[in-house]
Structures are given as C-alpha cells and as structure tokens.
Amino acid sequence: MKVRYQYRIYPTLQQVKGLNQLFGCCRVVYNDALAIVRSVPQGEKWPSNAELQKLVITQAKKTAERKWLADVSVVPLQQSVQDL
C-alpha cells in the first residue's frame, strides 16, 4: 500500500514576491532557450544543454537588460533549460 501526503503552504508576502521573481526568471530563460532552438535550421544539430545554458544564463547575466537574472539561484534556471 502506498501512502500519500498532501501539504499546503502559506508563504508570507516577501516569500510570494521572491517566488514570483524566480518563476518569472525561469520563464524568461526557458523562452530564450526555446527561441534559440527554434532558430536552428532544419537538419542541423541543436546546441547542447551546456551551450544553451552558457548563452541564456551565463552570458545573459552580463547584459544590461538581463542582469536581474543574477538575483535568483542558478539551479532553477539550469533546470528550465534542461526541461526544454
């Protein structure tokens, strides 16, 4: 027999803001990586996971319009690219 537990959390206002920022960053990274993959011509090899992470996370943090990606942990951002 398997046991299942169900939990519900009630984050504070500050935690909600942090989670919203994290989820927004993950969405942006995923969409940027998806745009790169879709721009690859038919029949050519897609960039590897490491190359995508370098482009949409590491190098994006260095630009002025994406420097806010450095405010969150890199682990969920890497997972977003891996999920793609």
N, C-alpha and C. Protein backbone atom coordinates (compact mmCIF):
# COMPACT_ATOMS: atom_id res chain seq x y z
N MET A 1 0.84 -1.18 0.00
CA MET A 1 0.00 0.00 0.00
C MET A 1 0.89 1.24 0.00
N LYS A 2 0.53 2.19 -0.82
CA LYS A 2 1.28 3.43 -0.89
C LYS A 2 0.58 4.49 -0.06
N VAL A 3 1.37 5.34 0.56
CA VAL A 3 0.84 6.42 1.37
C VAL A 3 1.08 7.72 0.63
N ARG A 4 0.10 8.56 0.67
CA ARG A 4 0.22 9.85 0.00
C ARG A 4 -0.07 10.96 1.00
N TYR A 5 0.77 11.98 0.98
CA TYR A 5 0.59 13.13 1.85
C TYR A 5 0.32 14.35 0.99
N GLN A 6 -0.47 15.23 1.52
CA GLN A 6 -0.77 16.46 0.81
C GLN A 6 -0.46 17.62 1.75
N TYR A 7 0.29 18.60 1.23
CA TYR A 7 0.70 19.74 2.04
C TYR A 7 0.22 21.01 1.38
N ARG A 8 0.01 22.01 2.18
CA ARG A 8 -0.35 23.32 1.67
C ARG A 8 0.52 24.33 2.40
N ILE A 9 1.09 25.25 1.66
CA ILE A 9 1.95 26.26 2.28
C ILE A 9 1.26 27.61 2.20
N TYR A 10 1.59 28.43 3.13
CA TYR A 10 1.07 29.79 3.18
C TYR A 10 2.25 30.75 3.27
N PRO A 11 2.82 31.12 2.12
CA PRO A 11 4.01 31.98 2.14
C PRO A 11 3.65 33.40 2.57
N THR A 12 4.64 34.05 3.15
CA THR A 12 4.48 35.46 3.51
C THR A 12 4.52 36.30 2.24
N LEU A 13 4.24 37.57 2.39
CA LEU A 13 4.24 38.47 1.23
C LEU A 13 5.63 38.55 0.60
N GLN A 14 6.65 38.59 1.43
CA GLN A 14 8.02 38.64 0.92
C GLN A 14 8.37 37.35 0.17
N GLN A 15 7.93 36.21 0.68
CA GLN A 15 8.18 34.94 0.01
C GLN A 15 7.43 34.86 -1.32
N VAL A 16 6.22 35.39 -1.36
CA VAL A 16 5.45 35.41 -2.61
C VAL A 16 6.18 36.23 -3.66
N LYS A 17 6.71 37.38 -3.26
CA LYS A 17 7.46 38.21 -4.20
C LYS A 17 8.70 37.49 -4.72
N GLY A 18 9.41 36.80 -3.83
CA GLY A 18 10.59 36.04 -4.24
C GLY A 18 10.24 34.90 -5.19
N LEU A 19 9.15 34.19 -4.89
CA LEU A 19 8.73 33.10 -5.77
C LEU A 19 8.29 33.63 -7.13
N ASN A 20 7.58 34.75 -7.15
CA ASN A 20 7.16 35.34 -8.42
C ASN A 20 8.37 35.76 -9.25
N GLN A 21 9.40 36.31 -8.59
CA GLN A 21 10.61 36.69 -9.31
C GLN A 21 11.31 35.46 -9.87
N LEU A 22 11.40 34.41 -9.07
CA LEU A 22 12.05 33.17 -9.52
C LEU A 22 11.31 32.55 -10.70
N PHE A 23 9.98 32.46 -10.61
CA PHE A 23 9.20 31.86 -11.69
C PHE A 23 9.29 32.71 -12.96
N GLY A 24 9.32 34.01 -12.82
CA GLY A 24 9.47 34.89 -13.98
C GLY A 24 10.81 34.71 -14.66
N CYS A 25 11.87 34.59 -13.87
CA CYS A 25 13.21 34.37 -14.43
C CYS A 25 13.28 33.03 -15.16
N CYS A 26 12.68 32.00 -14.57
CA CYS A 26 12.66 30.68 -15.21
C CYS A 26 11.91 30.74 -16.54
N ARG A 27 10.82 31.47 -16.56
CA ARG A 27 10.04 31.60 -17.79
C ARG A 27 10.85 32.29 -18.88
N VAL A 28 11.55 33.35 -18.52
CA VAL A 28 12.35 34.09 -19.50
C VAL A 28 13.48 33.23 -20.04
N VAL A 29 14.16 32.50 -19.17
CA VAL A 29 15.27 31.64 -19.59
C VAL A 29 14.75 30.53 -20.52
N TYR A 30 13.62 29.92 -20.15
CA TYR A 30 13.04 28.87 -20.98
C TYR A 30 12.67 29.41 -22.36
N ASN A 31 12.02 30.58 -22.40
CA ASN A 31 11.61 31.16 -23.68
C ASN A 31 12.80 31.56 -24.53
N ASP A 32 13.86 32.08 -23.90
CA ASP A 32 15.08 32.43 -24.65
C ASP A 32 15.72 31.18 -25.26
N ALA A 33 15.80 30.11 -24.46
CA ALA A 33 16.39 28.87 -24.96
C ALA A 33 15.53 28.27 -26.08
N LEU A 34 14.22 28.35 -25.92
CA LEU A 34 13.32 27.84 -26.96
C LEU A 34 13.49 28.61 -28.26
N ALA A 35 13.66 29.92 -28.17
CA ALA A 35 13.86 30.73 -29.37
C ALA A 35 15.15 30.35 -30.08
N ILE A 36 16.20 30.05 -29.32
CA ILE A 36 17.46 29.63 -29.93
C ILE A 36 17.31 28.29 -30.62
N VAL A 37 16.63 27.35 -29.96
CA VAL A 37 16.44 26.02 -30.55
C VAL A 37 15.59 26.11 -31.81
N ARG A 38 14.56 26.92 -31.79
CA ARG A 38 13.69 27.06 -32.97
C ARG A 38 14.38 27.77 -34.13
N SER A 39 15.41 28.57 -33.83
CA SER A 39 16.10 29.29 -34.90
C SER A 39 17.11 28.42 -35.64
N VAL A 40 17.38 27.22 -35.12
CA VAL A 40 18.30 26.30 -35.78
C VAL A 40 17.62 25.76 -37.04
N PRO A 41 18.28 25.87 -38.19
CA PRO A 41 17.68 25.39 -39.43
C PRO A 41 17.41 23.88 -39.40
N GLN A 42 16.42 23.48 -40.18
CA GLN A 42 16.03 22.07 -40.26
C GLN A 42 17.21 21.21 -40.69
N GLY A 43 17.44 20.14 -39.98
CA GLY A 43 18.50 19.21 -40.32
C GLY A 43 19.83 19.47 -39.63
N GLU A 44 19.99 20.65 -39.05
CA GLU A 44 21.23 20.94 -38.33
C GLU A 44 21.09 20.50 -36.88
N LYS A 45 22.23 20.29 -36.24
CA LYS A 45 22.25 19.81 -34.86
C LYS A 45 21.91 20.94 -33.89
N TRP A 46 21.09 20.61 -32.90
CA TRP A 46 20.75 21.60 -31.87
C TRP A 46 21.94 21.83 -30.96
N PRO A 47 22.00 22.99 -30.33
CA PRO A 47 23.08 23.23 -29.37
C PRO A 47 22.90 22.31 -28.15
N SER A 48 23.99 21.95 -27.52
CA SER A 48 23.91 21.09 -26.35
C SER A 48 23.33 21.85 -25.16
N ASN A 49 23.00 21.10 -24.13
CA ASN A 49 22.44 21.70 -22.93
C ASN A 49 23.43 22.70 -22.32
N ALA A 50 24.69 22.36 -22.28
CA ALA A 50 25.71 23.25 -21.72
C ALA A 50 25.85 24.53 -22.54
N GLU A 51 25.80 24.39 -23.87
CA GLU A 51 25.89 25.58 -24.73
C GLU A 51 24.68 26.49 -24.53
N LEU A 52 23.49 25.90 -24.41
CA LEU A 52 22.29 26.70 -24.17
C LEU A 52 22.37 27.43 -22.84
N GLN A 53 22.84 26.73 -21.81
CA GLN A 53 22.96 27.36 -20.50
C GLN A 53 23.94 28.52 -20.54
N LYS A 54 25.03 28.33 -21.27
CA LYS A 54 26.02 29.39 -21.39
C LYS A 54 25.41 30.63 -22.06
N LEU A 55 24.60 30.40 -23.09
CA LEU A 55 24.01 31.51 -23.83
C LEU A 55 22.91 32.22 -23.05
N VAL A 56 21.95 31.45 -22.52
CA VAL A 56 20.75 32.08 -21.95
C VAL A 56 20.86 32.38 -20.47
N ILE A 57 21.89 31.87 -19.81
CA ILE A 57 22.04 32.18 -18.38
C ILE A 57 23.32 32.98 -18.15
N THR A 58 24.47 32.36 -18.41
CA THR A 58 25.75 32.97 -18.06
C THR A 58 25.99 34.27 -18.83
N GLN A 59 25.86 34.22 -20.14
CA GLN A 59 26.12 35.42 -20.94
C GLN A 59 24.98 36.43 -20.81
N ALA A 60 23.77 35.95 -20.57
CA ALA A 60 22.64 36.88 -20.42
C ALA A 60 22.77 37.70 -19.15
N LYS A 61 23.34 37.13 -18.10
CA LYS A 61 23.53 37.88 -16.85
C LYS A 61 24.48 39.06 -17.02
N LYS A 62 25.35 38.99 -18.01
CA LYS A 62 26.33 40.04 -18.25
C LYS A 62 25.76 41.21 -19.04
N THR A 63 24.58 41.05 -19.64
CA THR A 63 23.98 42.13 -20.41
C THR A 63 23.16 43.03 -19.49
N ALA A 64 22.97 44.26 -19.91
CA ALA A 64 22.25 45.23 -19.08
C ALA A 64 20.77 44.87 -18.95
N GLU A 65 20.15 44.36 -20.02
CA GLU A 65 18.72 44.07 -19.97
C GLU A 65 18.38 42.77 -19.26
N ARG A 66 19.37 41.92 -18.96
CA ARG A 66 19.10 40.65 -18.27
C ARG A 66 19.92 40.49 -16.99
N LYS A 67 20.50 41.57 -16.48
CA LYS A 67 21.34 41.45 -15.29
C LYS A 67 20.55 41.05 -14.05
N TRP A 68 19.22 41.21 -14.07
CA TRP A 68 18.38 40.81 -12.95
C TRP A 68 18.29 39.29 -12.80
N LEU A 69 18.77 38.53 -13.77
CA LEU A 69 18.82 37.07 -13.63
C LEU A 69 19.79 36.64 -12.53
N ALA A 70 20.73 37.50 -12.19
CA ALA A 70 21.71 37.18 -11.15
C ALA A 70 21.09 37.26 -9.75
N ASP A 71 19.90 37.80 -9.62
CA ASP A 71 19.26 37.95 -8.31
C ASP A 71 18.67 36.65 -7.78
N VAL A 72 18.53 35.64 -8.62
CA VAL A 72 17.94 34.37 -8.20
C VAL A 72 18.99 33.26 -8.31
N SER A 73 18.68 32.12 -7.71
CA SER A 73 19.57 30.97 -7.76
C SER A 73 19.68 30.46 -9.19
N VAL A 74 20.84 29.95 -9.54
CA VAL A 74 21.07 29.45 -10.89
C VAL A 74 20.48 28.06 -11.10
N VAL A 75 20.26 27.32 -10.02
CA VAL A 75 19.80 25.93 -10.14
C VAL A 75 18.43 25.84 -10.85
N PRO A 76 17.42 26.62 -10.45
CA PRO A 76 16.14 26.54 -11.18
C PRO A 76 16.26 26.99 -12.64
N LEU A 77 17.16 27.94 -12.90
CA LEU A 77 17.35 28.40 -14.27
C LEU A 77 17.96 27.28 -15.13
N GLN A 78 18.92 26.57 -14.57
CA GLN A 78 19.52 25.45 -15.28
C GLN A 78 18.49 24.34 -15.52
N GLN A 79 17.62 24.13 -14.55
CA GLN A 79 16.59 23.12 -14.70
C GLN A 79 15.60 23.51 -15.79
N SER A 80 15.33 24.80 -15.94
CA SER A 80 14.44 25.25 -17.01
C SER A 80 15.01 24.91 -18.39
N VAL A 81 16.31 25.12 -18.54
CA VAL A 81 16.96 24.78 -19.82
C VAL A 81 16.96 23.27 -20.01
N GLN A 82 17.21 22.53 -18.97
CA GLN A 82 17.24 21.08 -19.08
C GLN A 82 15.84 20.54 -19.41
N ASP A 83 14.80 21.14 -18.88
CA ASP A 83 13.43 20.70 -19.17
C ASP A 83 13.07 20.91 -20.63
N LEU A 84 13.70 21.88 -21.27
CA LEU A 84 13.44 22.14 -22.67
C LEU A 84 13.94 20.98 -23.50
